[in-house]
């Protein structure tokens, strides 16, 4: 059973930003898919199990962007 979660990422302005965030999140264990809506900053992650907010935040930080507080 997969888990889908949506996060808001701030600071993305272009296709390179989308690629950077997608790449870092895709590298997390268990992640099956990442979809990024550049206009809204919404990032939807589908994974085998629920991801911790800390893991998602660390991946987004590594890409050079910020996870908005929910």
Protein backbone atom coordinates (compact mmCIF):
# COMPACT_ATOMS: atom_id res chain seq x y z
CA UNK A 1 0.00 0.00 0.00
CA UNK A 2 1.43 3.36 -0.97
CA UNK A 3 1.21 6.62 0.94
CA UNK A 4 0.75 9.97 -0.79
CA UNK A 5 1.63 13.22 0.98
CA UNK A 6 1.68 16.79 -0.27
CA UNK A 7 4.09 19.45 0.97
CA UNK A 8 4.68 23.09 0.12
CA UNK A 9 8.20 24.05 -0.92
CA UNK A 10 9.23 27.70 -1.09
CA UNK A 11 11.91 29.30 -3.24
CA UNK A 12 11.43 27.31 -6.45
CA UNK A 13 11.37 29.54 -9.53
CA UNK A 14 12.33 27.42 -12.55
CA UNK A 15 12.64 23.97 -14.08
CA UNK A 16 16.06 23.46 -12.51
CA UNK A 17 14.49 24.02 -9.09
CA UNK A 18 11.91 21.35 -9.86
CA UNK A 19 14.64 18.92 -10.96
CA UNK A 20 16.71 19.55 -7.83
CA UNK A 21 13.79 18.99 -5.45
CA UNK A 22 12.55 15.97 -7.41
CA UNK A 23 16.01 14.41 -7.41
CA UNK A 24 16.58 14.79 -3.68
CA UNK A 25 13.12 13.52 -2.71
CA UNK A 26 13.32 10.62 -5.18
CA UNK A 27 16.52 9.49 -3.46
CA UNK A 28 14.73 8.92 -0.15
CA UNK A 29 14.19 5.23 0.65
CA UNK A 30 10.78 3.96 -0.43
CA UNK A 31 9.84 6.91 -2.63
CA UNK A 32 8.02 5.77 -5.78
CA UNK A 33 7.08 9.10 -7.38
CA UNK A 34 7.47 12.85 -6.94
CA UNK A 35 5.29 15.44 -8.66
CA UNK A 36 6.07 19.15 -8.41
CA UNK A 37 3.73 22.02 -9.28
CA UNK A 38 6.11 24.95 -9.75
CA UNK A 39 3.35 27.58 -9.78
CA UNK A 40 1.95 26.66 -6.36
CA UNK A 41 5.04 25.09 -4.80
CA UNK A 42 3.05 21.92 -4.10
CA UNK A 43 5.14 18.76 -4.02
CA UNK A 44 3.33 15.42 -3.93
CA UNK A 45 5.35 12.42 -2.84
CA UNK A 46 4.16 8.82 -3.20
CA UNK A 47 6.09 6.30 -1.12
CA UNK A 48 5.87 2.73 0.13
CA UNK A 49 5.55 3.92 3.73
CA UNK A 50 4.94 7.29 5.37
CA UNK A 51 7.95 9.59 5.33
CA UNK A 52 8.92 11.62 8.36
CA UNK A 53 8.70 15.39 8.06
CA UNK A 54 12.36 15.53 9.11
CA UNK A 55 13.42 13.33 6.19
CA UNK A 56 11.42 15.39 3.70
CA UNK A 57 12.71 18.66 5.18
CA UNK A 58 16.33 17.42 5.00
CA UNK A 59 15.94 16.41 1.34
CA UNK A 60 14.36 19.76 0.41
CA UNK A 61 17.09 21.61 2.34
CA UNK A 62 19.76 19.60 0.50
CA UNK A 63 18.22 20.73 -2.80
CA UNK A 64 18.56 24.34 -1.60
CA UNK A 65 14.93 25.11 -0.83
CA UNK A 66 12.68 25.33 2.20
CA UNK A 67 9.77 23.20 3.31
CA UNK A 68 6.95 25.50 4.40
CA UNK A 69 5.54 24.87 7.86
CA UNK A 70 2.21 23.10 7.74
